[in-house]
C-alpha atoms as a PDB file:
ATOM      1  CA  UNK A   1      80.128 111.521  98.976  1.00  0.00           C
ATOM      2  CA  UNK A   2      78.464 109.448  96.300  1.00  0.00           C
ATOM      3  CA  UNK A   3      75.298 108.840  98.193  1.00  0.00           C
ATOM      4  CA  UNK A   4      73.138 111.317 100.272  1.00  0.00           C
ATOM      5  CA  UNK A   5      70.473 110.985 102.791  1.00  0.00           C
ATOM      6  CA  UNK A   6      69.081 114.444 101.975  1.00  0.00           C
ATOM      7  CA  UNK A   7      66.137 114.140  99.477  1.00  0.00           C
ATOM      8  CA  UNK A   8      66.883 117.497  97.997  1.00  0.00           C
ATOM      9  CA  UNK A   9      70.431 116.703  97.269  1.00  0.00           C
ATOM     10  CA  UNK A  10      69.586 113.355  95.444  1.00  0.00           C
ATOM     11  CA  UNK A  11      68.788 112.576  91.812  1.00  0.00           C
ATOM     12  CA  UNK A  12      65.493 111.275  93.001  1.00  0.00           C
ATOM     13  CA  UNK A  13      64.571 114.914  93.672  1.00  0.00           C
ATOM     14  CA  UNK A  14      65.492 115.884  90.235  1.00  0.00           C
ATOM     15  CA  UNK A  15      63.479 113.117  88.489  1.00  0.00           C
ATOM     16  CA  UNK A  16      64.477 111.617  85.270  1.00  0.00           C
ATOM     17  CA  UNK A  17      63.639 114.344  82.762  1.00  0.00           C
ATOM     18  CA  UNK A  18      65.546 116.948  84.673  1.00  0.00           C
ATOM     19  CA  UNK A  19      68.462 114.613  85.315  1.00  0.00           C
ATOM     20  CA  UNK A  20      68.737 113.877  81.569  1.00  0.00           C
ATOM     21  CA  UNK A  21      68.640 117.469  80.848  1.00  0.00           C
ATOM     22  CA  UNK A  22      71.382 118.120  83.528  1.00  0.00           C
ATOM     23  CA  UNK A  23      73.516 115.293  82.048  1.00  0.00           C
ATOM     24  CA  UNK A  24      73.461 116.970  78.692  1.00  0.00           C
ATOM     25  CA  UNK A  25      74.588 120.412  80.449  1.00  0.00           C
ATOM     26  CA  UNK A  26      77.337 118.731  82.220  1.00  0.00           C
ATOM     27  CA  UNK A  27      78.664 116.898  79.102  1.00  0.00           C
ATOM     28  CA  UNK A  28      78.644 120.171  77.262  1.00  0.00           C
ATOM     29  CA  UNK A  29      80.647 120.197  73.966  1.00  0.00           C
ATOM     30  CA  UNK A  30      81.515 116.376  74.109  1.00  0.00           C
ATOM     31  CA  UNK A  31      77.884 115.589  73.144  1.00  0.00           C
ATOM     32  CA  UNK A  32      76.601 116.873  69.873  1.00  0.00           C
ATOM     33  CA  UNK A  33      73.026 117.985  69.603  1.00  0.00           C
ATOM     34  CA  UNK A  34      70.348 115.601  68.135  1.00  0.00           C
ATOM     35  CA  UNK A  35      69.846 113.928  65.744  1.00  0.00           C
ATOM     36  CA  UNK A  36      73.557 112.984  66.143  1.00  0.00           C
ATOM     37  CA  UNK A  37      73.649 113.182  69.753  1.00  0.00           C
ATOM     38  CA  UNK A  38      71.357 112.445  72.708  1.00  0.00           C
ATOM     39  CA  UNK A  39      67.603 112.672  72.254  1.00  0.00           C
ATOM     40  CA  UNK A  40      66.425 109.922  69.940  1.00  0.00           C
ATOM     41  CA  UNK A  41      65.863 106.206  70.378  1.00  0.00           C
ATOM     42  CA  UNK A  42      69.124 105.176  68.824  1.00  0.00           C
ATOM     43  CA  UNK A  43      72.452 107.058  68.398  1.00  0.00           C
ATOM     44  CA  UNK A  44      73.136 107.939  64.815  1.00  0.00           C
ATOM     45  CA  UNK A  45      76.749 107.308  63.850  1.00  0.00           C
ATOM     46  CA  UNK A  46      78.601 108.609  61.018  1.00  0.00           C
ATOM     47  CA  UNK A  47      79.753 105.873  58.544  1.00  0.00           C
ATOM     48  CA  UNK A  48      83.449 104.892  59.128  1.00  0.00           C
ATOM     49  CA  UNK A  49      85.461 106.378  56.140  1.00  0.00           C
ATOM     50  CA  UNK A  50      88.309 103.955  56.392  1.00  0.00           C
ATOM     51  CA  UNK A  51      89.605 101.044  58.504  1.00  0.00           C
ATOM     52  CA  UNK A  52      87.779  98.450  60.363  1.00  0.00           C
ATOM     53  CA  UNK A  53      85.251  99.336  63.086  1.00  0.00           C
ATOM     54  CA  UNK A  54      85.946  98.564  66.601  1.00  0.00           C
ATOM     55  CA  UNK A  55      83.489  98.308  69.456  1.00  0.00           C
ATOM     56  CA  UNK A  56      84.410  97.708  73.211  1.00  0.00           C
ATOM     57  CA  UNK A  57      82.584  98.194  76.421  1.00  0.00           C
ATOM     58  CA  UNK A  58      83.436  98.414  80.010  1.00  0.00           C
ATOM     59  CA  UNK A  59      82.037  99.561  83.398  1.00  0.00           C
ATOM     60  CA  UNK A  60      82.687 101.417  86.671  1.00  0.00           C
ATOM     61  CA  UNK A  61      80.709  99.882  89.588  1.00  0.00           C
ATOM     62  CA  UNK A  62      80.842 101.427  93.107  1.00  0.00           C
ATOM     63  CA  UNK A  63      82.363  98.927  95.531  1.00  0.00           C
ATOM     64  CA  UNK A  64      83.937  96.971  92.716  1.00  0.00           C
ATOM     65  CA  UNK A  65      86.073  99.519  90.737  1.00  0.00           C
ATOM     66  CA  UNK A  66      86.174 102.439  93.037  1.00  0.00           C
ATOM     67  CA  UNK A  67      85.045 103.449  96.519  1.00  0.00           C
ATOM     68  CA  UNK A  68      84.418 106.593  98.621  1.00  0.00           C
ATOM     69  CA  UNK A  69      88.168 107.379  98.639  1.00  0.00           C
ATOM     70  CA  UNK A  70      88.214 108.123  94.871  1.00  0.00           C
ATOM     71  CA  UNK A  71      86.936 111.454  93.618  1.00  0.00           C
ATOM     72  CA  UNK A  72      84.021 111.564  91.431  1.00  0.00           C
ATOM     73  CA  UNK A  73      86.016 113.245  88.532  1.00  0.00           C
ATOM     74  CA  UNK A  74      88.676 110.364  88.813  1.00  0.00           C
ATOM     75  CA  UNK A  75      85.971 107.760  88.535  1.00  0.00           C
ATOM     76  CA  UNK A  76      84.366 109.581  85.367  1.00  0.00           C
ATOM     77  CA  UNK A  77      87.872 109.877  83.864  1.00  0.00           C
ATOM     78  CA  UNK A  78      88.742 106.264  84.429  1.00  0.00           C
ATOM     79  CA  UNK A  79      85.402 105.013  82.814  1.00  0.00           C
ATOM     80  CA  UNK A  80      86.365 106.623  79.504  1.00  0.00           C
ATOM     81  CA  UNK A  81      90.204 105.684  79.837  1.00  0.00           C
ATOM     82  CA  UNK A  82      89.726 102.089  80.579  1.00  0.00           C
ATOM     83  CA  UNK A  83      87.600 101.890  77.392  1.00  0.00           C
ATOM     84  CA  UNK A  84      90.228 103.929  75.440  1.00  0.00           C
ATOM     85  CA  UNK A  85      92.938 101.361  76.490  1.00  0.00           C
ATOM     86  CA  UNK A  86      91.047  98.623  74.796  1.00  0.00           C
ATOM     87  CA  UNK A  87      90.967 100.635  71.602  1.00  0.00           C
ATOM     88  CA  UNK A  88      94.704 101.468  71.992  1.00  0.00           C
ATOM     89  CA  UNK A  89      95.328  97.623  72.351  1.00  0.00           C
ATOM     90  CA  UNK A  90      94.055  97.058  68.884  1.00  0.00           C
ATOM     91  CA  UNK A  91      96.017 100.002  67.413  1.00  0.00           C
ATOM     92  CA  UNK A  92      92.957 101.971  66.899  1.00  0.00           C
ATOM     93  CA  UNK A  93      91.434 105.411  67.176  1.00  0.00           C
ATOM     94  CA  UNK A  94      88.346 106.169  69.217  1.00  0.00           C
ATOM     95  CA  UNK A  95      85.271 107.712  67.930  1.00  0.00           C
ATOM     96  CA  UNK A  96      81.632 107.853  69.593  1.00  0.00           C
ATOM     97  CA  UNK A  97      80.354 106.344  72.733  1.00  0.00           C
ATOM     98  CA  UNK A  98      77.112 105.710  74.442  1.00  0.00           C
ATOM     99  CA  UNK A  99      76.841 105.611  78.311  1.00  0.00           C
ATOM    100  CA  UNK A 100      74.340 103.741  80.576  1.00  0.00           C
ATOM    101  CA  UNK A 101      73.870 104.684  84.011  1.00  0.00           C
ATOM    102  CA  UNK A 102      72.451 102.498  86.728  1.00  0.00           C
ATOM    103  CA  UNK A 103      71.779 104.662  89.855  1.00  0.00           C
ATOM    104  CA  UNK A 104      70.207 104.353  93.182  1.00  0.00           C
ATOM    105  CA  UNK A 105      67.792 107.139  93.923  1.00  0.00           C
ATOM    106  CA  UNK A 106      70.062 108.232  96.713  1.00  0.00           C
ATOM    107  CA  UNK A 107      73.038 109.106  94.482  1.00  0.00           C
ATOM    108  CA  UNK A 108      74.030 112.623  95.138  1.00  0.00           C
ATOM    109  CA  UNK A 109      73.419 115.069  92.300  1.00  0.00           C
ATOM    110  CA  UNK A 110      76.537 117.084  93.152  1.00  0.00           C
ATOM    111  CA  UNK A 111      78.581 113.856  93.043  1.00  0.00           C
ATOM    112  CA  UNK A 112      77.170 112.874  89.727  1.00  0.00           C
ATOM    113  CA  UNK A 113      77.938 116.312  88.173  1.00  0.00           C
ATOM    114  CA  UNK A 114      81.537 115.882  89.321  1.00  0.00           C
ATOM    115  CA  UNK A 115      81.496 112.418  87.743  1.00  0.00           C
ATOM    116  CA  UNK A 116      80.386 113.855  84.463  1.00  0.00           C
ATOM    117  CA  UNK A 117      82.914 116.609  84.697  1.00  0.00           C
ATOM    118  CA  UNK A 118      85.528 113.795  84.593  1.00  0.00           C
ATOM    119  CA  UNK A 119      83.718 112.123  81.714  1.00  0.00           C
ATOM    120  CA  UNK A 120      83.491 115.379  79.793  1.00  0.00           C
ATOM    121  CA  UNK A 121      87.149 116.413  80.236  1.00  0.00           C
ATOM    122  CA  UNK A 122      88.657 113.013  79.320  1.00  0.00           C
ATOM    123  CA  UNK A 123      86.220 112.755  76.341  1.00  0.00           C
ATOM    124  CA  UNK A 124      87.281 115.999  74.973  1.00  0.00           C
ATOM    125  CA  UNK A 125      90.924 115.251  75.578  1.00  0.00           C
ATOM    126  CA  UNK A 126      90.669 112.124  73.481  1.00  0.00           C
ATOM    127  CA  UNK A 127      88.187 113.369  70.872  1.00  0.00           C
ATOM    128  CA  UNK A 128      85.375 111.072  72.115  1.00  0.00           C
ATOM    129  CA  UNK A 129      81.667 112.094  71.331  1.00  0.00           C
ATOM    130  CA  UNK A 130      78.968 110.956  73.846  1.00  0.00           C
ATOM    131  CA  UNK A 131      76.048 110.523  71.474  1.00  0.00           C
ATOM    132  CA  UNK A 132      73.482 108.649  73.654  1.00  0.00           C
ATOM    133  CA  UNK A 133      72.797 106.172  76.443  1.00  0.00           C
ATOM    134  CA  UNK A 134      70.303 105.179  79.049  1.00  0.00           C
ATOM    135  CA  UNK A 135      69.519 105.871  82.720  1.00  0.00           C
ATOM    136  CA  UNK A 136      67.972 103.295  84.880  1.00  0.00           C
ATOM    137  CA  UNK A 137      67.010 103.102  88.665  1.00  0.00           C
ATOM    138  CA  UNK A 138      68.395 100.410  90.973  1.00  0.00           C
ATOM    139  CA  UNK A 139      68.391  99.894  94.636  1.00  0.00           C
ATOM    140  CA  UNK A 140      69.752 102.537  97.079  1.00  0.00           C
ATOM    141  CA  UNK A 141      73.381 102.415  97.713  1.00  0.00           C
ATOM    142  CA  UNK A 142      74.224 101.220  94.285  1.00  0.00           C
ATOM    143  CA  UNK A 143      75.876 102.818  91.205  1.00  0.00           C
ATOM    144  CA  UNK A 144      77.373 101.561  87.877  1.00  0.00           C
ATOM    145  CA  UNK A 145      78.192 103.281  84.738  1.00  0.00           C
ATOM    146  CA  UNK A 146      78.626 101.322  81.471  1.00  0.00           C
ATOM    147  CA  UNK A 147      80.406 102.816  78.391  1.00  0.00           C
ATOM    148  CA  UNK A 148      80.288 101.321  74.945  1.00  0.00           C
ATOM    149  CA  UNK A 149      83.029 103.031  72.623  1.00  0.00           C
ATOM    150  CA  UNK A 150      83.459 102.651  69.024  1.00  0.00           C
ATOM    151  CA  UNK A 151      86.618 103.211  67.142  1.00  0.00           C
ATOM    152  CA  UNK A 152      88.470 102.310  63.903  1.00  0.00           C
ATOM    153  CA  UNK A 153      91.842 100.726  63.037  1.00  0.00           C
ATOM    154  CA  UNK A 154      93.371 100.335  59.598  1.00  0.00           C
ATOM    155  CA  UNK A 155      94.796  96.882  60.475  1.00  0.00           C
ATOM    156  CA  UNK A 156      93.700  95.879  64.015  1.00  0.00           C
ATOM    157  CA  UNK A 157      96.395  94.141  65.968  1.00  0.00           C
ATOM    158  CA  UNK A 158      95.057  90.925  67.778  1.00  0.00           C
ATOM    159  CA  UNK A 159      96.239  89.195  70.861  1.00  0.00           C
ATOM    160  CA  UNK A 160      95.959  85.772  69.243  1.00  0.00           C
ATOM    161  CA  UNK A 161      98.545  86.226  66.583  1.00  0.00           C
ATOM    162  CA  UNK A 162     101.786  85.926  68.686  1.00  0.00           C
ATOM    163  CA  UNK A 163     104.051  83.180  67.296  1.00  0.00           C
ATOM    164  CA  UNK A 164     106.740  80.915  68.513  1.00  0.00           C
ATOM    165  CA  UNK A 165     110.056  82.703  68.973  1.00  0.00           C
ATOM    166  CA  UNK A 166     108.524  86.028  69.277  1.00  0.00           C
ATOM    167  CA  UNK A 167     110.148  88.460  71.583  1.00  0.00           C
ATOM    168  CA  UNK A 168     107.907  89.852  74.267  1.00  0.00           C
ATOM    169  CA  UNK A 169     107.774  93.405  75.373  1.00  0.00           C
ATOM    170  CA  UNK A 170     105.837  95.593  77.962  1.00  0.00           C
ATOM    171  CA  UNK A 171     105.598  99.406  78.085  1.00  0.00           C
ATOM    172  CA  UNK A 172     105.960 101.457  81.325  1.00  0.00           C
ATOM    173  CA  UNK A 173     106.142 100.080  84.870  1.00  0.00           C
ATOM    174  CA  UNK A 174     104.090  97.512  86.472  1.00  0.00           C
ATOM    175  CA  UNK A 175     102.376  96.823  89.940  1.00  0.00           C
ATOM    176  CA  UNK A 176     101.112  99.023  92.761  1.00  0.00           C
ATOM    177  CA  UNK A 177      97.682  99.923  91.261  1.00  0.00           C
ATOM    178  CA  UNK A 178      96.130 100.063  94.721  1.00  0.00           C
ATOM    179  CA  UNK A 179      98.007 103.252  95.441  1.00  0.00           C
ATOM    180  CA  UNK A 180      95.903 105.096  92.779  1.00  0.00           C
ATOM    181  CA  UNK A 181      97.972 104.707  89.654  1.00  0.00           C
ATOM    182  CA  UNK A 182      95.077 102.932  87.781  1.00  0.00           C
ATOM    183  CA  UNK A 183      93.226 106.273  87.964  1.00  0.00           C
ATOM    184  CA  UNK A 184      96.151 108.548  86.671  1.00  0.00           C
ATOM    185  CA  UNK A 185      97.094 106.302  83.727  1.00  0.00           C
ATOM    186  CA  UNK A 186      97.304 107.466  80.209  1.00  0.00           C
ATOM    187  CA  UNK A 187      95.820 105.140  77.416  1.00  0.00           C
ATOM    188  CA  UNK A 188      98.629 104.199  75.093  1.00  0.00           C
ATOM    189  CA  UNK A 189      96.734 105.111  71.912  1.00  0.00           C
ATOM    190  CA  UNK A 190      99.577 106.941  70.093  1.00  0.00           C
ATOM    191  CA  UNK A 191     102.123 104.317  71.027  1.00  0.00           C
ATOM    192  CA  UNK A 192      99.758 101.467  69.971  1.00  0.00           C
ATOM    193  CA  UNK A 193      99.012 103.054  66.637  1.00  0.00           C
ATOM    194  CA  UNK A 194     102.854 103.394  66.100  1.00  0.00           C
ATOM    195  CA  UNK A 195     103.411  99.689  66.788  1.00  0.00           C
ATOM    196  CA  UNK A 196     100.456  98.692  64.411  1.00  0.00           C
ATOM    197  CA  UNK A 197     102.512 100.214  61.691  1.00  0.00           C
ATOM    198  CA  UNK A 198     105.734  98.193  62.546  1.00  0.00           C
ATOM    199  CA  UNK A 199     106.105  95.157  60.375  1.00  0.00           C
ATOM    200  CA  UNK A 200     107.784  93.411  63.331  1.00  0.00           C
ATOM    201  CA  UNK A 201     104.785  93.587  65.674  1.00  0.00           C
ATOM    202  CA  UNK A 202     102.760  90.370  65.577  1.00  0.00           C
ATOM    203  CA  UNK A 203     100.222  90.730  68.518  1.00  0.00           C
ATOM    204  CA  UNK A 204      99.347  93.158  71.161  1.00  0.00           C
ATOM    205  CA  UNK A 205      96.965  93.684  74.290  1.00  0.00           C
ATOM    206  CA  UNK A 206      96.598  95.903  77.255  1.00  0.00           C
ATOM    207  CA  UNK A 207      97.532  94.803  80.751  1.00  0.00           C
ATOM    208  CA  UNK A 208      94.458  94.900  82.917  1.00  0.00           C
ATOM    209  CA  UNK A 209      94.406  91.701  85.017  1.00  0.00           C
ATOM    210  CA  UNK A 210      98.062  91.346  85.914  1.00  0.00           C
ATOM    211  CA  UNK A 211     101.068  90.310  83.799  1.00  0.00           C
ATOM    212  CA  UNK A 212     100.943  86.741  85.074  1.00  0.00           C
ATOM    213  CA  UNK A 213      97.419  86.090  83.867  1.00  0.00           C
ATOM    214  CA  UNK A 214      97.450  88.281  80.799  1.00  0.00           C
ATOM    215  CA  UNK A 215     100.670  86.473  79.484  1.00  0.00           C
ATOM    216  CA  UNK A 216      98.945  83.161  79.778  1.00  0.00           C
ATOM    217  CA  UNK A 217      96.121  84.347  77.302  1.00  0.00           C
ATOM    218  CA  UNK A 218      98.663  85.958  75.199  1.00  0.00           C
ATOM    219  CA  UNK A 219     100.558  82.870  74.611  1.00  0.00           C
ATOM    220  CA  UNK A 220     100.520  81.083  71.126  1.00  0.00           C
ATOM    221  CA  UNK A 221      99.128  77.585  70.998  1.00  0.00           C
ATOM    222  CA  UNK A 222     101.600  74.942  72.149  1.00  0.00           C
ATOM    223  CA  UNK A 223     103.937  77.690  73.508  1.00  0.00           C
ATOM    224  CA  UNK A 224     104.966  79.058  76.792  1.00  0.00           C
ATOM    225  CA  UNK A 225     106.095  82.629  77.776  1.00  0.00           C
ATOM    226  CA  UNK A 226     109.784  82.154  79.101  1.00  0.00           C
ATOM    227  CA  UNK A 227     110.125  85.171  81.339  1.00  0.00           C
ATOM    228  CA  UNK A 228     113.098  86.999  82.601  1.00  0.00           C
ATOM    229  CA  UNK A 229     111.903  87.838  86.075  1.00  0.00           C
ATOM    230  CA  UNK A 230     114.893  90.189  86.679  1.00  0.00           C
ATOM    231  CA  UNK A 231     113.746  92.278  83.658  1.00  0.00           C
ATOM    232  CA  UNK A 232     110.110  92.874  84.820  1.00  0.00           C
ATOM    233  CA  UNK A 233     109.825  96.772  85.133  1.00  0.00           C
ATOM    234  CA  UNK A 234     108.443  97.184  88.621  1.00  0.00           C
ATOM    235  CA  UNK A 235     106.772 100.424  89.536  1.00  0.00           C
ATOM    236  CA  UNK A 236     107.819 102.421  92.749  1.00  0.00           C
ATOM    237  CA  UNK A 237     104.198 101.910  93.923  1.00  0.00           C
ATOM    238  CA  UNK A 238     104.784  98.092  93.965  1.00  0.00           C
ATOM    239  CA  UNK A 239     107.842  98.523  96.099  1.00  0.00           C
ATOM    240  CA  UNK A 240     105.714 100.753  98.585  1.00  0.00           C
ATOM    241  CA  UNK A 241     102.848  98.203  98.760  1.00  0.00           C
ATOM    242  CA  UNK A 242     105.393  95.370  99.189  1.00  0.00           C
ATOM    243  CA  UNK A 243     106.603  96.981 102.504  1.00  0.00           C
ATOM    244  CA  UNK A 244     102.968  96.784 103.816  1.00  0.00           C
ATOM    245  CA  UNK A 245     101.747  93.546 102.354  1.00  0.00           C
ATOM    246  CA  UNK A 246     104.726  91.188 103.168  1.00  0.00           C
ATOM    247  CA  UNK A 247     104.728  90.093  99.513  1.00  0.00           C
ATOM    248  CA  UNK A 248     107.486  90.785  97.122  1.00  0.00           C
ATOM    249  CA  UNK A 249     107.285  93.697  94.795  1.00  0.00           C
ATOM    250  CA  UNK A 250     107.663  91.345  91.789  1.00  0.00           C
ATOM    251  CA  UNK A 251     104.542  89.613  92.792  1.00  0.00           C
ATOM    252  CA  UNK A 252     102.609  92.903  92.903  1.00  0.00           C
ATOM    253  CA  UNK A 253     104.100  93.782  89.342  1.00  0.00           C
ATOM    254  CA  UNK A 254     102.934  90.299  88.128  1.00  0.00           C
ATOM    255  CA  UNK A 255      99.524  90.222  89.877  1.00  0.00           C
ATOM    256  CA  UNK A 256      98.087  93.428  90.841  1.00  0.00           C
ATOM    257  CA  UNK A 257      96.600  94.279  87.570  1.00  0.00           C
ATOM    258  CA  UNK A 258      95.140  97.643  86.094  1.00  0.00           C
ATOM    259  CA  UNK A 259      98.371  98.643  84.816  1.00  0.00           C
ATOM    260  CA  UNK A 260      96.916  99.670  81.360  1.00  0.00           C
ATOM    261  CA  UNK A 261     100.268  99.274  79.754  1.00  0.00           C
ATOM    262  CA  UNK A 262     100.854  97.547  76.377  1.00  0.00           C
ATOM    263  CA  UNK A 263     101.999  93.892  76.188  1.00  0.00           C
ATOM    264  CA  UNK A 264     103.217  93.036  72.677  1.00  0.00           C
ATOM    265  CA  UNK A 265     105.386  90.728  70.764  1.00  0.00           C
ATOM    266  CA  UNK A 266     107.684  91.313  67.820  1.00  0.00           C
ATOM    267  CA  UNK A 267     108.868  88.588  65.244  1.00  0.00           C
ATOM    268  CA  UNK A 268     111.725  86.550  66.658  1.00  0.00           C
ATOM    269  CA  UNK A 269     113.856  87.117  63.338  1.00  0.00           C
ATOM    270  CA  UNK A 270     113.600  90.913  63.823  1.00  0.00           C
ATOM    271  CA  UNK A 271     116.611  93.145  64.612  1.00  0.00           C
ATOM    272  CA  UNK A 272     115.728  93.993  68.302  1.00  0.00           C
ATOM    273  CA  UNK A 273     118.342  96.675  68.669  1.00  0.00           C
ATOM    274  CA  UNK A 274     116.941  98.584  65.537  1.00  0.00           C
ATOM    275  CA  UNK A 275     113.407  98.141  66.762  1.00  0.00           C
ATOM    276  CA  UNK A 276     114.162  99.467  70.277  1.00  0.00           C
ATOM    277  CA  UNK A 277     116.185 102.421  68.848  1.00  0.00           C
ATOM    278  CA  UNK A 278     113.129 103.424  66.643  1.00  0.00           C
ATOM    279  CA  UNK A 279     111.045 103.110  69.729  1.00  0.00           C
ATOM    280  CA  UNK A 280     113.402 105.297  71.757  1.00  0.00           C
ATOM    281  CA  UNK A 281     113.520 107.988  69.044  1.00  0.00           C
ATOM    282  CA  UNK A 282     109.601 107.987  68.716  1.00  0.00           C
ATOM    283  CA  UNK A 283     108.874 107.776  72.648  1.00  0.00           C
ATOM    284  CA  UNK A 284     111.840 108.685  74.573  1.00  0.00           C
ATOM    285  CA  UNK A 285     109.875 109.097  77.883  1.00  0.00           C
ATOM    286  CA  UNK A 286     108.238 105.840  77.883  1.00  0.00           C
ATOM    287  CA  UNK A 287     110.172 102.907  79.172  1.00  0.00           C
ATOM    288  CA  UNK A 288     110.053  99.764  76.784  1.00  0.00           C
ATOM    289  CA  UNK A 289     111.273  96.387  78.184  1.00  0.00           C
ATOM    290  CA  UNK A 290     112.038  93.133  76.559  1.00  0.00           C
ATOM    291  CA  UNK A 291     110.761  90.602  79.332  1.00  0.00           C
ATOM    292  CA  UNK A 292     111.068  87.094  77.468  1.00  0.00           C
ATOM    293  CA  UNK A 293     110.271  84.983  74.547  1.00  0.00           C
ATOM    294  CA  UNK A 294     107.550  82.614  73.373  1.00  0.00           C
ATOM    295  CA  UNK A 295     109.031  78.918  73.240  1.00  0.00           C
ATOM    296  CA  UNK A 296     107.569  75.652  72.162  1.00  0.00           C
ATOM    297  CA  UNK A 297     106.111  73.916  75.029  1.00  0.00           C
ATOM    298  CA  UNK A 298     103.160  71.546  75.169  1.00  0.00           C
ATOM    299  CA  UNK A 299     102.538  71.601  79.010  1.00  0.00           C
ATOM    300  CA  UNK A 300      99.350  73.327  80.365  1.00  0.00           C
ATOM    301  CA  UNK A 301     101.401  75.898  82.261  1.00  0.00           C
ATOM    302  CA  UNK A 302     102.113  79.019  79.983  1.00  0.00           C
ATOM    303  CA  UNK A 303     104.854  80.627  82.263  1.00  0.00           C
ATOM    304  CA  UNK A 304     108.394  79.561  82.614  1.00  0.00           C
ATOM    305  CA  UNK A 305     111.464  81.106  84.344  1.00  0.00           C
ATOM    306  CA  UNK A 306     114.014  81.719  81.732  1.00  0.00           C
ATOM    307  CA  UNK A 307     116.816  80.842  84.236  1.00  0.00           C
ATOM    308  CA  UNK A 308     115.595  77.698  85.613  1.00  0.00           C
ATOM    309  CA  UNK A 309     112.988  76.613  82.914  1.00  0.00           C
ATOM    310  CA  UNK A 310     110.649  75.716  85.737  1.00  0.00           C
ATOM    311  CA  UNK A 311     106.945  76.504  85.635  1.00  0.00           C
ATOM    312  CA  UNK A 312     105.910  79.700  87.275  1.00  0.00           C
ATOM    313  CA  UNK A 313     102.612  79.016  89.007  1.00  0.00           C
ATOM    314  CA  UNK A 314     102.549  81.606  91.822  1.00  0.00           C
ATOM    315  CA  UNK A 315     101.479  84.713  89.512  1.00  0.00           C
ATOM    316  CA  UNK A 316      97.679  83.982  88.917  1.00  0.00           C
ATOM    317  CA  UNK A 317      96.572  87.595  88.450  1.00  0.00           C
ATOM    318  CA  UNK A 318      93.027  88.927  88.880  1.00  0.00           C
ATOM    319  CA  UNK A 319      89.977  86.898  87.799  1.00  0.00           C
ATOM    320  CA  UNK A 320      86.353  87.698  88.191  1.00  0.00           C
ATOM    321  CA  UNK A 321      83.955  85.359  90.129  1.00  0.00           C
ATOM    322  CA  UNK A 322      86.876  83.301  91.476  1.00  0.00           C
ATOM    323  CA  UNK A 323      86.779  82.769  95.228  1.00  0.00           C
ATOM    324  CA  UNK A 324      89.981  83.821  97.043  1.00  0.00           C
END
């Protein structure tokens, strides 16, 4: 369990200095020694030798992003991977990171050690160095971890650069994150860097709030996404949840969020079959699906059914701070 009622098992028993010392031991080889690791007022970063610097931040909060059913290792791994997914969306390569912890005094030391085991394993797997951070006390029963990750990209791919007539693609399968796939995902770093090198690729982002919502922010100005709903690649987890929720699997694929797949567009004048053949040769084990096209449309709504041309308003996706 993340929290403990036994004082000797809590981080309060350790105190700040011992906790920081333990964190350094738990992180092991993924945190270099000072002056380029933990131990100074600021982290010292090596200069970026090539490309443009990238910077992203994301968090994991108990009760919001995970609960007691999630293992500490999985929570720590997801903190790193969801930031890596942002770097991937720009066609980038990750580098150094700083990690801030906001912990209630009743956080279990053993749970936190397992959390950092997940952080360490994932950081080592993706060549991320933890070079600093902060620890702060908050109220009992609370835990948040905030990671800020740097990276580089030779030519960052943006989400605002899609164009009218662009063909729209997604990787993988969508929906069903509530069954745990949002902890088991792999950030699409290699695939995104490949896409960034393709002249056809105009824009890209990662899918975190659901395809329905993310498509609306991905749309070019004065355009709409004309979507072939029959083409949406639906994950088996979405079909399983649909049997319990009494909602269609398609709705889960459009709205559940936390898919961490790539949403991108290619120039409408491109040879789609040749592009798809190159993808299949490079990534034979990762599904790629053409789901629609950006068309001229001055209406407020950004999603259209490709068959009926009617507005699709039933797929809002996840939105922070909005009441249900």
